Amino acid sequence: MKPHGPWTIRDTKTVYCDPWINVTCDDVLRPDGNPGTFSVVHLKPGVTVLAIDENQTVYLTKEFHYAVGRETIECVSGGIEEGEDAALSAQRELEEEIGIVAKKWTFLGICDPFTSSVVSPTQMYLAEELQMVAARPEGTELIERVSFPFSEAIEMVLTGEITHSASCLAILLTARRLGL
């Protein structure tokens, strides 16, 4: 038995596992003392990068995302490879997905987009002093690089046009950082 906040985990079983997702089901004692189960989805840790140039133009992605069944506009995001430093993952993803290399990097913090039953820590970065290079997306990615004035991206968060939680938070944290 292992304490877990007000819960006690009696046993854990892996229900499904692939390179991106691990689903576990815990046999628990609930906070009220009764037995139960609690399932948790563990996603590969990731990064989200907001790229902004000297004119306050931001470079985002426009891509069809299978799970939500529609195109979304968001910051560059991707998984941290096993043993890879998060900052290096951010640099790699920015170059691969939308063909941008940045000289200046600022760590913005960590976002936990789902806290009730999904573990998906996402480290957020601001990329500045940009240089455009050739993108190298993976075979599953059909990504369009889109750009907007930063003020428009902020408005897109506030009106719900940008819904990816780590992207929303990175944009709002950057707005605060820039005094907007």
C-alpha atoms as a PDB file:
ATOM      1  CA  MET A   1       0.000   0.000   0.000  1.00  0.00           C
ATOM      2  CA  LYS A   2       1.244   3.434  -0.965  1.00  0.00           C
ATOM      3  CA  PRO A   3      -0.189   6.765   0.210  1.00  0.00           C
ATOM      4  CA  HIS A   4      -1.112   9.150  -2.621  1.00  0.00           C
ATOM      5  CA  GLY A   5      -2.467  12.363  -1.113  1.00  0.00           C
ATOM      6  CA  PRO A   6      -5.744  11.417   0.623  1.00  0.00           C
ATOM      7  CA  TRP A   7      -5.879   8.205  -1.479  1.00  0.00           C
ATOM      8  CA  THR A   8      -4.097   4.885  -0.883  1.00  0.00           C
ATOM      9  CA  ILE A   9      -2.895   2.904  -3.888  1.00  0.00           C
ATOM     10  CA  ARG A  10      -3.159  -0.832  -3.234  1.00  0.00           C
ATOM     11  CA  ASP A  11      -2.044  -2.029  -6.678  1.00  0.00           C
ATOM     12  CA  THR A  12      -1.318  -0.609 -10.149  1.00  0.00           C
ATOM     13  CA  LYS A  13      -1.815  -2.378 -13.473  1.00  0.00           C
ATOM     14  CA  THR A  14      -0.793  -1.165 -16.925  1.00  0.00           C
ATOM     15  CA  VAL A  15      -3.833  -1.317 -19.208  1.00  0.00           C
ATOM     16  CA  TYR A  16      -2.208   0.024 -22.410  1.00  0.00           C
ATOM     17  CA  CYS A  17       1.214   1.255 -23.411  1.00  0.00           C
ATOM     18  CA  ASP A  18       2.798   2.644 -26.603  1.00  0.00           C
ATOM     19  CA  PRO A  19       5.643   5.138 -27.179  1.00  0.00           C
ATOM     20  CA  TRP A  20       3.334   8.107 -26.445  1.00  0.00           C
ATOM     21  CA  ILE A  21       0.736   6.861 -23.960  1.00  0.00           C
ATOM     22  CA  ASN A  22       0.709   4.670 -20.862  1.00  0.00           C
ATOM     23  CA  VAL A  23      -2.664   3.953 -19.233  1.00  0.00           C
ATOM     24  CA  THR A  24      -2.708   2.582 -15.702  1.00  0.00           C
ATOM     25  CA  CYS A  25      -5.536   1.471 -13.456  1.00  0.00           C
ATOM     26  CA  ASP A  26      -4.991   1.725  -9.720  1.00  0.00           C
ATOM     27  CA  ASP A  27      -6.822  -0.359  -7.132  1.00  0.00           C
ATOM     28  CA  VAL A  28      -7.350   2.261  -4.408  1.00  0.00           C
ATOM     29  CA  LEU A  29      -8.830   3.162  -1.101  1.00  0.00           C
ATOM     30  CA  ARG A  30     -10.684   6.398  -1.770  1.00  0.00           C
ATOM     31  CA  PRO A  31     -10.534   9.403   0.584  1.00  0.00           C
ATOM     32  CA  ASP A  32     -13.839   8.228   2.120  1.00  0.00           C
ATOM     33  CA  GLY A  33     -12.215   4.858   2.982  1.00  0.00           C
ATOM     34  CA  ASN A  34     -14.164   2.842   0.433  1.00  0.00           C
ATOM     35  CA  PRO A  35     -12.401   0.668  -2.172  1.00  0.00           C
ATOM     36  CA  GLY A  36     -12.371   1.761  -5.798  1.00  0.00           C
ATOM     37  CA  THR A  37     -10.333   2.178  -8.946  1.00  0.00           C
ATOM     38  CA  PHE A  38      -8.721   5.179 -10.568  1.00  0.00           C
ATOM     39  CA  SER A  39      -7.373   5.188 -14.121  1.00  0.00           C
ATOM     40  CA  VAL A  40      -4.603   7.546 -15.193  1.00  0.00           C
ATOM     41  CA  VAL A  41      -3.358   8.362 -18.684  1.00  0.00           C
ATOM     42  CA  HIS A  42       0.361   9.209 -18.749  1.00  0.00           C
ATOM     43  CA  LEU A  43       1.370  11.136 -21.885  1.00  0.00           C
ATOM     44  CA  LYS A  44       4.958  11.577 -23.000  1.00  0.00           C
ATOM     45  CA  PRO A  45       6.286  14.831 -21.457  1.00  0.00           C
ATOM     46  CA  GLY A  46       6.383  17.650 -23.978  1.00  0.00           C
ATOM     47  CA  VAL A  47       7.399  21.152 -24.908  1.00  0.00           C
ATOM     48  CA  THR A  48       5.548  24.142 -26.314  1.00  0.00           C
ATOM     49  CA  VAL A  49       7.410  26.983 -28.030  1.00  0.00           C
ATOM     50  CA  LEU A  50       6.178  30.491 -28.809  1.00  0.00           C
ATOM     51  CA  ALA A  51       8.402  32.044 -31.498  1.00  0.00           C
ATOM     52  CA  ILE A  52       8.280  35.850 -31.711  1.00  0.00           C
ATOM     53  CA  ASP A  53      10.389  38.157 -33.852  1.00  0.00           C
ATOM     54  CA  GLU A  54      11.630  41.716 -33.308  1.00  0.00           C
ATOM     55  CA  ASN A  55       8.431  43.135 -34.876  1.00  0.00           C
ATOM     56  CA  GLN A  56       6.244  41.206 -32.408  1.00  0.00           C
ATOM     57  CA  THR A  57       5.096  38.778 -35.081  1.00  0.00           C
ATOM     58  CA  VAL A  58       4.455  35.295 -33.706  1.00  0.00           C
ATOM     59  CA  TYR A  59       4.912  32.103 -35.693  1.00  0.00           C
ATOM     60  CA  LEU A  60       2.424  29.349 -34.922  1.00  0.00           C
ATOM     61  CA  THR A  61       1.302  26.067 -36.458  1.00  0.00           C
ATOM     62  CA  LYS A  62      -1.906  25.263 -38.285  1.00  0.00           C
ATOM     63  CA  GLU A  63      -2.488  21.538 -38.396  1.00  0.00           C
ATOM     64  CA  PHE A  64      -5.257  18.929 -38.402  1.00  0.00           C
ATOM     65  CA  HIS A  65      -5.182  17.122 -35.068  1.00  0.00           C
ATOM     66  CA  TYR A  66      -6.639  13.649 -35.180  1.00  0.00           C
ATOM     67  CA  ALA A  67      -7.968  13.506 -31.615  1.00  0.00           C
ATOM     68  CA  VAL A  68     -10.065  16.691 -31.854  1.00  0.00           C
ATOM     69  CA  GLY A  69     -10.922  16.098 -35.524  1.00  0.00           C
ATOM     70  CA  ARG A  70     -10.158  19.610 -36.732  1.00  0.00           C
ATOM     71  CA  GLU A  71      -7.414  22.056 -37.616  1.00  0.00           C
ATOM     72  CA  THR A  72      -6.018  24.036 -34.729  1.00  0.00           C
ATOM     73  CA  ILE A  73      -3.727  27.024 -34.479  1.00  0.00           C
ATOM     74  CA  GLU A  74      -1.171  26.678 -31.729  1.00  0.00           C
ATOM     75  CA  CYS A  75       2.435  27.127 -30.722  1.00  0.00           C
ATOM     76  CA  VAL A  76       4.961  24.551 -31.838  1.00  0.00           C
ATOM     77  CA  SER A  77       4.568  21.523 -29.571  1.00  0.00           C
ATOM     78  CA  GLY A  78       6.090  18.086 -29.382  1.00  0.00           C
ATOM     79  CA  GLY A  79       7.350  15.285 -27.212  1.00  0.00           C
ATOM     80  CA  ILE A  80      10.577  15.135 -25.275  1.00  0.00           C
ATOM     81  CA  GLU A  81      12.549  12.118 -26.454  1.00  0.00           C
ATOM     82  CA  GLU A  82      13.843   9.651 -23.849  1.00  0.00           C
ATOM     83  CA  GLY A  83      16.969  11.132 -22.239  1.00  0.00           C
ATOM     84  CA  GLU A  84      16.658  14.413 -24.173  1.00  0.00           C
ATOM     85  CA  ASP A  85      16.923  17.767 -22.402  1.00  0.00           C
ATOM     86  CA  ALA A  86      13.645  19.716 -22.641  1.00  0.00           C
ATOM     87  CA  ALA A  87      15.366  22.851 -23.970  1.00  0.00           C
ATOM     88  CA  LEU A  88      16.967  20.804 -26.764  1.00  0.00           C
ATOM     89  CA  SER A  89      13.571  19.252 -27.522  1.00  0.00           C
ATOM     90  CA  ALA A  90      12.102  22.748 -27.852  1.00  0.00           C
ATOM     91  CA  GLN A  91      14.857  23.787 -30.261  1.00  0.00           C
ATOM     92  CA  ARG A  92      14.480  20.591 -32.300  1.00  0.00           C
ATOM     93  CA  GLU A  93      10.686  20.876 -32.524  1.00  0.00           C
ATOM     94  CA  LEU A  94      10.789  24.545 -33.600  1.00  0.00           C
ATOM     95  CA  GLU A  95      13.179  23.765 -36.427  1.00  0.00           C
ATOM     96  CA  GLU A  96      11.512  20.511 -37.516  1.00  0.00           C
ATOM     97  CA  GLU A  97       7.918  21.705 -37.448  1.00  0.00           C
ATOM     98  CA  ILE A  98       8.090  25.233 -38.849  1.00  0.00           C
ATOM     99  CA  GLY A  99      11.689  25.815 -39.919  1.00  0.00           C
ATOM    100  CA  ILE A 100      12.829  28.336 -37.329  1.00  0.00           C
ATOM    101  CA  VAL A 101      16.077  28.517 -35.385  1.00  0.00           C
ATOM    102  CA  ALA A 102      16.259  30.922 -32.432  1.00  0.00           C
ATOM    103  CA  LYS A 103      19.298  32.460 -30.755  1.00  0.00           C
ATOM    104  CA  LYS A 104      17.502  33.523 -27.555  1.00  0.00           C
ATOM    105  CA  TRP A 105      15.497  31.118 -25.392  1.00  0.00           C
ATOM    106  CA  THR A 106      13.499  31.858 -22.253  1.00  0.00           C
ATOM    107  CA  PHE A 107      11.921  29.179 -20.065  1.00  0.00           C
ATOM    108  CA  LEU A 108       8.332  30.228 -19.282  1.00  0.00           C
ATOM    109  CA  GLY A 109       7.349  27.430 -16.882  1.00  0.00           C
ATOM    110  CA  ILE A 110       5.516  24.119 -16.807  1.00  0.00           C
ATOM    111  CA  CYS A 111       1.884  23.517 -17.716  1.00  0.00           C
ATOM    112  CA  ASP A 112      -0.178  20.547 -16.518  1.00  0.00           C
ATOM    113  CA  PRO A 113      -2.994  20.712 -19.096  1.00  0.00           C
ATOM    114  CA  PHE A 114      -5.134  17.998 -17.495  1.00  0.00           C
ATOM    115  CA  THR A 115      -4.946  17.405 -13.771  1.00  0.00           C
ATOM    116  CA  SER A 116      -7.832  15.055 -12.980  1.00  0.00           C
ATOM    117  CA  SER A 117      -6.826  11.888 -14.824  1.00  0.00           C
ATOM    118  CA  VAL A 118      -4.018  12.736 -17.272  1.00  0.00           C
ATOM    119  CA  VAL A 119      -0.336  13.301 -16.517  1.00  0.00           C
ATOM    120  CA  SER A 120       1.102  15.455 -19.321  1.00  0.00           C
ATOM    121  CA  PRO A 121       3.741  17.918 -18.099  1.00  0.00           C
ATOM    122  CA  THR A 122       4.582  20.472 -20.782  1.00  0.00           C
ATOM    123  CA  GLN A 123       7.565  22.819 -20.522  1.00  0.00           C
ATOM    124  CA  MET A 124       6.978  26.154 -22.233  1.00  0.00           C
ATOM    125  CA  TYR A 125       9.599  28.311 -23.943  1.00  0.00           C
ATOM    126  CA  LEU A 126       9.790  31.696 -25.634  1.00  0.00           C
ATOM    127  CA  ALA A 127      12.036  31.730 -28.724  1.00  0.00           C
ATOM    128  CA  GLU A 128      13.448  35.048 -30.002  1.00  0.00           C
ATOM    129  CA  GLU A 129      16.074  36.325 -32.450  1.00  0.00           C
ATOM    130  CA  LEU A 130      14.717  34.077 -35.174  1.00  0.00           C
ATOM    131  CA  GLN A 131      16.198  32.744 -38.391  1.00  0.00           C
ATOM    132  CA  MET A 132      14.099  30.931 -40.995  1.00  0.00           C
ATOM    133  CA  VAL A 133      15.426  27.572 -42.269  1.00  0.00           C
ATOM    134  CA  ALA A 134      13.909  24.540 -43.982  1.00  0.00           C
ATOM    135  CA  ALA A 135      11.274  22.694 -41.928  1.00  0.00           C
ATOM    136  CA  ARG A 136      11.557  18.913 -41.520  1.00  0.00           C
ATOM    137  CA  PRO A 137       8.197  17.671 -40.222  1.00  0.00           C
ATOM    138  CA  GLU A 138       7.645  14.008 -39.399  1.00  0.00           C
ATOM    139  CA  GLY A 139       5.603  11.825 -41.769  1.00  0.00           C
ATOM    140  CA  THR A 140       2.481  12.187 -39.600  1.00  0.00           C
ATOM    141  CA  GLU A 141       2.660  15.988 -39.676  1.00  0.00           C
ATOM    142  CA  LEU A 142       1.141  18.277 -42.318  1.00  0.00           C
ATOM    143  CA  ILE A 143       1.998  21.543 -40.640  1.00  0.00           C
ATOM    144  CA  GLU A 144       1.483  25.016 -42.037  1.00  0.00           C
ATOM    145  CA  ARG A 145       3.514  27.828 -40.478  1.00  0.00           C
ATOM    146  CA  VAL A 146       1.222  30.801 -39.863  1.00  0.00           C
ATOM    147  CA  SER A 147       2.133  34.200 -38.505  1.00  0.00           C
ATOM    148  CA  PHE A 148       0.147  36.887 -36.718  1.00  0.00           C
ATOM    149  CA  PRO A 149       0.851  40.134 -34.927  1.00  0.00           C
ATOM    150  CA  PHE A 150       1.304  39.176 -31.271  1.00  0.00           C
ATOM    151  CA  SER A 151      -1.690  41.341 -30.291  1.00  0.00           C
ATOM    152  CA  GLU A 152      -3.867  39.255 -32.650  1.00  0.00           C
ATOM    153  CA  ALA A 153      -2.598  35.993 -31.114  1.00  0.00           C
ATOM    154  CA  ILE A 154      -3.530  37.289 -27.659  1.00  0.00           C
ATOM    155  CA  GLU A 155      -7.025  38.103 -28.960  1.00  0.00           C
ATOM    156  CA  MET A 156      -7.260  34.602 -30.515  1.00  0.00           C
ATOM    157  CA  VAL A 157      -6.647  33.137 -27.045  1.00  0.00           C
ATOM    158  CA  LEU A 158      -9.245  35.403 -25.451  1.00  0.00           C
ATOM    159  CA  THR A 159     -11.904  34.602 -28.075  1.00  0.00           C
ATOM    160  CA  GLY A 160     -11.280  30.847 -27.996  1.00  0.00           C
ATOM    161  CA  GLU A 161      -9.791  30.559 -31.476  1.00  0.00           C
ATOM    162  CA  ILE A 162      -6.594  29.187 -29.932  1.00  0.00           C
ATOM    163  CA  THR A 163      -7.628  26.406 -27.531  1.00  0.00           C
ATOM    164  CA  HIS A 164      -4.451  24.375 -26.935  1.00  0.00           C
ATOM    165  CA  SER A 165      -3.865  24.998 -23.233  1.00  0.00           C
ATOM    166  CA  ALA A 166      -0.056  25.205 -23.228  1.00  0.00           C
ATOM    167  CA  SER A 167      -0.195  27.571 -26.220  1.00  0.00           C
ATOM    168  CA  CYS A 168      -2.732  29.798 -24.469  1.00  0.00           C
ATOM    169  CA  LEU A 169      -0.624  29.908 -21.341  1.00  0.00           C
ATOM    170  CA  ALA A 170       2.639  30.564 -23.231  1.00  0.00           C
ATOM    171  CA  ILE A 171       1.009  33.440 -25.139  1.00  0.00           C
ATOM    172  CA  LEU A 172      -0.468  34.996 -21.980  1.00  0.00           C
ATOM    173  CA  LEU A 173       2.771  34.560 -19.992  1.00  0.00           C
ATOM    174  CA  THR A 174       4.676  36.250 -22.811  1.00  0.00           C
ATOM    175  CA  ALA A 175       2.141  39.091 -22.940  1.00  0.00           C
ATOM    176  CA  ARG A 176       2.654  39.642 -19.209  1.00  0.00           C
ATOM    177  CA  ARG A 177       6.456  39.447 -19.667  1.00  0.00           C
ATOM    178  CA  LEU A 178       6.279  42.096 -22.416  1.00  0.00           C
ATOM    179  CA  GLY A 179       3.969  44.303 -20.360  1.00  0.00           C
ATOM    180  CA  LEU A 180       0.994  43.945 -22.703  1.00  0.00           C
END
